[in-house]
Amino acid sequence: MGLVQVALVDETGRTEQCVNGNTHALDSALAAVTPENSKCLAYIDPFGDTVFNQLQMGPFLDEWAALERTLVGDEAQAVGRQVRDLAMRCQVEPHTYLRFFGD
């Protein structure tokens, strides 16, 4: 299994917006990421929650762009774009966090 939800949350943990679609479509692409080739994505826990803050969005978005190029299929690509959009909001909106909810 893998991710069950990706959301932009505020500082109280309230969900501002979440990805609509099957986030399991990202599982194989994220599984290929390792600590040797990643500063952020390798640490997304498919079984626990992972939270990124505004300061981490620069490196996150760089890595996400590379990951998006590896996504196969319309569903995975659509989910990838939605995650990117949430990350871009997180980068510019104070007191927001990009949260990956694991299985």
N, C-alpha and C. Protein backbone atom coordinates (compact mmCIF):
# COMPACT_ATOMS: atom_id res chain seq x y z
N MET A 1 0.84 -1.18 0.00
CA MET A 1 0.00 0.00 0.00
C MET A 1 0.88 1.24 0.00
N GLY A 2 0.27 2.41 0.17
CA GLY A 2 1.04 3.64 0.14
C GLY A 2 0.24 4.81 0.66
N LEU A 3 0.36 5.92 -0.02
CA LEU A 3 -0.30 7.14 0.42
C LEU A 3 -1.81 7.03 0.27
N VAL A 4 -2.52 7.55 1.26
CA VAL A 4 -3.97 7.58 1.16
C VAL A 4 -4.49 8.99 0.94
N GLN A 5 -3.67 9.98 1.24
CA GLN A 5 -4.10 11.35 1.02
C GLN A 5 -2.90 12.29 1.05
N VAL A 6 -2.98 13.34 0.26
CA VAL A 6 -2.01 14.42 0.30
C VAL A 6 -2.83 15.70 0.43
N ALA A 7 -2.44 16.54 1.39
CA ALA A 7 -3.25 17.73 1.64
C ALA A 7 -2.38 18.91 2.02
N LEU A 8 -2.92 20.09 1.75
CA LEU A 8 -2.37 21.33 2.27
C LEU A 8 -3.13 21.61 3.56
N VAL A 9 -2.39 21.71 4.66
CA VAL A 9 -3.03 21.94 5.95
C VAL A 9 -2.51 23.24 6.55
N ASP A 10 -3.31 23.81 7.45
CA ASP A 10 -2.87 25.03 8.12
C ASP A 10 -2.16 24.66 9.42
N GLU A 11 -1.75 25.67 10.17
CA GLU A 11 -0.95 25.43 11.38
C GLU A 11 -1.71 24.70 12.48
N THR A 12 -3.04 24.65 12.39
CA THR A 12 -3.82 23.89 13.36
C THR A 12 -4.09 22.47 12.90
N GLY A 13 -3.66 22.13 11.68
CA GLY A 13 -3.88 20.81 11.13
C GLY A 13 -5.15 20.69 10.29
N ARG A 14 -5.86 21.81 10.15
CA ARG A 14 -7.10 21.80 9.37
C ARG A 14 -6.74 21.73 7.88
N THR A 15 -7.44 20.87 7.16
CA THR A 15 -7.20 20.69 5.73
C THR A 15 -7.73 21.88 4.95
N GLU A 16 -6.85 22.51 4.19
CA GLU A 16 -7.22 23.61 3.30
C GLU A 16 -7.70 23.06 1.96
N GLN A 17 -6.95 22.09 1.43
CA GLN A 17 -7.26 21.48 0.14
C GLN A 17 -6.54 20.15 0.09
N CYS A 18 -7.14 19.17 -0.57
CA CYS A 18 -6.47 17.89 -0.71
C CYS A 18 -6.51 17.42 -2.16
N VAL A 19 -5.67 16.46 -2.45
CA VAL A 19 -5.60 15.87 -3.78
C VAL A 19 -6.85 15.04 -4.01
N ASN A 20 -7.46 15.24 -5.16
CA ASN A 20 -8.59 14.41 -5.57
C ASN A 20 -8.06 13.40 -6.56
N GLY A 21 -8.16 12.16 -6.21
CA GLY A 21 -7.65 11.11 -7.09
C GLY A 21 -6.96 10.04 -6.29
N ASN A 22 -6.56 9.01 -6.96
CA ASN A 22 -5.93 7.86 -6.34
C ASN A 22 -4.45 8.12 -6.13
N THR A 23 -4.07 8.48 -4.92
CA THR A 23 -2.65 8.76 -4.65
C THR A 23 -1.80 7.49 -4.71
N HIS A 24 -2.42 6.33 -4.70
CA HIS A 24 -1.66 5.08 -4.87
C HIS A 24 -0.99 5.04 -6.23
N ALA A 25 -1.45 5.88 -7.17
CA ALA A 25 -0.82 5.96 -8.49
C ALA A 25 0.61 6.48 -8.39
N LEU A 26 0.97 7.09 -7.27
CA LEU A 26 2.33 7.61 -7.06
C LEU A 26 3.26 6.59 -6.42
N ASP A 27 2.71 5.50 -5.92
CA ASP A 27 3.49 4.55 -5.12
C ASP A 27 4.78 4.08 -5.79
N SER A 28 4.69 3.63 -7.03
CA SER A 28 5.88 3.06 -7.67
C SER A 28 6.94 4.14 -7.92
N ALA A 29 6.51 5.33 -8.31
CA ALA A 29 7.48 6.42 -8.55
C ALA A 29 8.17 6.82 -7.25
N LEU A 30 7.41 6.93 -6.17
CA LEU A 30 8.01 7.30 -4.88
C LEU A 30 8.91 6.19 -4.34
N ALA A 31 8.57 4.93 -4.61
CA ALA A 31 9.39 3.82 -4.14
C ALA A 31 10.78 3.82 -4.77
N ALA A 32 10.91 4.43 -5.95
CA ALA A 32 12.19 4.47 -6.65
C ALA A 32 13.12 5.56 -6.11
N VAL A 33 12.60 6.45 -5.29
CA VAL A 33 13.39 7.54 -4.74
C VAL A 33 14.16 7.03 -3.53
N THR A 34 15.45 7.37 -3.46
CA THR A 34 16.29 6.91 -2.35
C THR A 34 16.97 8.11 -1.69
N PRO A 35 17.45 7.93 -0.47
CA PRO A 35 18.16 9.03 0.20
C PRO A 35 19.40 9.49 -0.55
N GLU A 36 19.97 8.63 -1.37
CA GLU A 36 21.15 9.00 -2.13
C GLU A 36 20.83 10.01 -3.25
N ASN A 37 19.58 10.01 -3.73
CA ASN A 37 19.23 10.92 -4.82
C ASN A 37 18.11 11.90 -4.44
N SER A 38 17.92 12.10 -3.13
CA SER A 38 16.81 12.95 -2.69
C SER A 38 17.10 13.61 -1.36
N LYS A 39 16.63 14.86 -1.24
CA LYS A 39 16.70 15.56 0.04
C LYS A 39 15.34 15.54 0.75
N CYS A 40 14.27 15.36 -0.02
CA CYS A 40 12.92 15.44 0.55
C CYS A 40 12.09 14.19 0.28
N LEU A 41 11.93 13.86 -0.99
CA LEU A 41 10.97 12.82 -1.37
C LEU A 41 11.29 11.45 -0.79
N ALA A 42 12.56 11.16 -0.57
CA ALA A 42 12.93 9.85 -0.02
C ALA A 42 12.38 9.65 1.38
N TYR A 43 12.01 10.73 2.03
CA TYR A 43 11.57 10.64 3.41
C TYR A 43 10.05 10.65 3.57
N ILE A 44 9.34 10.55 2.46
CA ILE A 44 7.88 10.39 2.55
C ILE A 44 7.61 8.96 2.98
N ASP A 45 6.99 8.82 4.12
CA ASP A 45 6.72 7.52 4.72
C ASP A 45 5.38 6.99 4.19
N PRO A 46 5.38 5.89 3.45
CA PRO A 46 4.12 5.38 2.91
C PRO A 46 3.18 4.82 3.98
N PHE A 47 3.70 4.60 5.19
CA PHE A 47 2.88 4.01 6.25
C PHE A 47 2.61 4.98 7.40
N GLY A 48 3.29 6.10 7.43
CA GLY A 48 3.08 7.10 8.47
C GLY A 48 2.86 8.45 7.80
N ASP A 49 2.68 9.47 8.59
CA ASP A 49 2.46 10.81 8.04
C ASP A 49 3.80 11.53 7.88
N THR A 50 3.89 12.33 6.83
CA THR A 50 5.07 13.14 6.56
C THR A 50 4.61 14.56 6.29
N VAL A 51 5.28 15.53 6.93
CA VAL A 51 4.87 16.93 6.79
C VAL A 51 6.06 17.75 6.32
N PHE A 52 5.82 18.59 5.30
CA PHE A 52 6.83 19.51 4.79
C PHE A 52 6.36 20.93 5.06
N ASN A 53 7.31 21.82 5.38
CA ASN A 53 6.95 23.21 5.64
C ASN A 53 7.32 24.11 4.47
N GLN A 54 7.00 25.38 4.61
CA GLN A 54 7.21 26.37 3.55
C GLN A 54 8.67 26.45 3.11
N LEU A 55 9.60 26.39 4.05
CA LEU A 55 11.02 26.50 3.73
C LEU A 55 11.54 25.31 2.94
N GLN A 56 10.87 24.18 3.03
CA GLN A 56 11.30 22.98 2.32
C GLN A 56 10.73 22.90 0.90
N MET A 57 9.85 23.81 0.53
CA MET A 57 9.16 23.70 -0.75
C MET A 57 10.07 23.90 -1.95
N GLY A 58 11.13 24.71 -1.85
CA GLY A 58 12.05 24.88 -2.99
C GLY A 58 12.66 23.55 -3.41
N PRO A 59 13.38 22.88 -2.49
CA PRO A 59 13.95 21.57 -2.84
C PRO A 59 12.88 20.53 -3.17
N PHE A 60 11.76 20.58 -2.44
CA PHE A 60 10.68 19.63 -2.71
C PHE A 60 10.20 19.77 -4.15
N LEU A 61 9.93 21.01 -4.57
CA LEU A 61 9.40 21.23 -5.92
C LEU A 61 10.41 20.84 -7.00
N ASP A 62 11.70 21.06 -6.75
CA ASP A 62 12.72 20.63 -7.71
C ASP A 62 12.67 19.11 -7.88
N GLU A 63 12.63 18.40 -6.76
CA GLU A 63 12.56 16.94 -6.82
C GLU A 63 11.24 16.47 -7.41
N TRP A 64 10.16 17.16 -7.07
CA TRP A 64 8.85 16.75 -7.57
C TRP A 64 8.79 16.89 -9.09
N ALA A 65 9.39 17.93 -9.64
CA ALA A 65 9.41 18.11 -11.09
C ALA A 65 10.09 16.92 -11.77
N ALA A 66 11.19 16.45 -11.20
CA ALA A 66 11.88 15.28 -11.76
C ALA A 66 11.02 14.04 -11.63
N LEU A 67 10.35 13.88 -10.49
CA LEU A 67 9.48 12.72 -10.28
C LEU A 67 8.31 12.74 -11.26
N GLU A 68 7.74 13.92 -11.48
CA GLU A 68 6.59 14.03 -12.40
C GLU A 68 6.94 13.53 -13.80
N ARG A 69 8.17 13.73 -14.23
CA ARG A 69 8.58 13.28 -15.56
C ARG A 69 8.60 11.76 -15.66
N THR A 70 8.61 11.07 -14.52
CA THR A 70 8.65 9.60 -14.53
C THR A 70 7.25 8.98 -14.39
N LEU A 71 6.25 9.80 -14.12
CA LEU A 71 4.90 9.26 -13.88
C LEU A 71 4.30 8.74 -15.17
N VAL A 72 3.74 7.54 -15.08
CA VAL A 72 3.15 6.88 -16.24
C VAL A 72 1.65 6.80 -16.05
N GLY A 73 0.91 7.22 -17.06
CA GLY A 73 -0.54 7.11 -17.03
C GLY A 73 -1.21 8.43 -16.66
N ASP A 74 -2.39 8.59 -17.19
CA ASP A 74 -3.14 9.83 -16.97
C ASP A 74 -3.44 10.08 -15.49
N GLU A 75 -3.83 9.02 -14.78
CA GLU A 75 -4.19 9.18 -13.37
C GLU A 75 -3.00 9.64 -12.55
N ALA A 76 -1.87 8.98 -12.72
CA ALA A 76 -0.66 9.35 -11.97
C ALA A 76 -0.23 10.77 -12.31
N GLN A 77 -0.29 11.13 -13.58
CA GLN A 77 0.10 12.48 -13.98
C GLN A 77 -0.84 13.54 -13.39
N ALA A 78 -2.13 13.24 -13.36
CA ALA A 78 -3.09 14.19 -12.78
C ALA A 78 -2.84 14.38 -11.29
N VAL A 79 -2.59 13.28 -10.58
CA VAL A 79 -2.31 13.36 -9.15
C VAL A 79 -0.99 14.11 -8.92
N GLY A 80 0.00 13.85 -9.76
CA GLY A 80 1.28 14.56 -9.66
C GLY A 80 1.13 16.06 -9.81
N ARG A 81 0.31 16.48 -10.76
CA ARG A 81 0.07 17.92 -10.95
C ARG A 81 -0.63 18.52 -9.73
N GLN A 82 -1.57 17.79 -9.16
CA GLN A 82 -2.27 18.30 -7.98
C GLN A 82 -1.33 18.46 -6.79
N VAL A 83 -0.45 17.50 -6.60
CA VAL A 83 0.54 17.62 -5.51
C VAL A 83 1.42 18.84 -5.76
N ARG A 84 1.88 19.02 -6.99
CA ARG A 84 2.70 20.19 -7.33
C ARG A 84 1.94 21.48 -7.02
N ASP A 85 0.67 21.54 -7.39
CA ASP A 85 -0.12 22.75 -7.14
C ASP A 85 -0.23 23.04 -5.64
N LEU A 86 -0.44 22.00 -4.83
CA LEU A 86 -0.50 22.20 -3.38
C LEU A 86 0.85 22.66 -2.84
N ALA A 87 1.93 22.08 -3.36
CA ALA A 87 3.27 22.48 -2.92
C ALA A 87 3.55 23.94 -3.27
N MET A 88 3.10 24.36 -4.42
CA MET A 88 3.29 25.76 -4.82
C MET A 88 2.51 26.70 -3.92
N ARG A 89 1.32 26.30 -3.52
CA ARG A 89 0.56 27.11 -2.56
C ARG A 89 1.29 27.16 -1.23
N CYS A 90 1.79 26.01 -0.78
CA CYS A 90 2.51 25.95 0.49
C CYS A 90 3.72 26.87 0.47
N GLN A 91 4.36 26.97 -0.66
CA GLN A 91 5.57 27.80 -0.79
C GLN A 91 5.27 29.28 -0.57
N VAL A 92 4.06 29.72 -0.92
CA VAL A 92 3.76 31.16 -0.85
C VAL A 92 2.77 31.54 0.25
N GLU A 93 2.09 30.56 0.81
CA GLU A 93 1.10 30.86 1.86
C GLU A 93 1.69 30.55 3.24
N PRO A 94 1.87 31.58 4.06
CA PRO A 94 2.44 31.37 5.40
C PRO A 94 1.58 30.43 6.25
N HIS A 95 2.24 29.72 7.12
CA HIS A 95 1.59 28.85 8.10
C HIS A 95 0.79 27.72 7.45
N THR A 96 1.29 27.25 6.29
CA THR A 96 0.69 26.08 5.66
C THR A 96 1.75 24.99 5.53
N TYR A 97 1.28 23.76 5.43
CA TYR A 97 2.16 22.60 5.39
C TYR A 97 1.62 21.62 4.36
N LEU A 98 2.51 20.94 3.68
CA LEU A 98 2.13 19.88 2.75
C LEU A 98 2.24 18.58 3.53
N ARG A 99 1.11 17.91 3.69
CA ARG A 99 1.09 16.71 4.53
C ARG A 99 0.72 15.48 3.69
N PHE A 100 1.55 14.46 3.79
CA PHE A 100 1.32 13.16 3.16
C PHE A 100 0.85 12.22 4.26
N PHE A 101 -0.34 11.69 4.10
CA PHE A 101 -0.90 10.75 5.06
C PHE A 101 -0.61 9.34 4.57
N GLY A 102 0.11 8.56 5.37
CA GLY A 102 0.44 7.20 4.97
C GLY A 102 -0.69 6.24 5.27
N ASP A 103 -0.52 5.06 4.77
CA ASP A 103 -1.51 4.00 4.93
C ASP A 103 -1.65 3.53 6.36
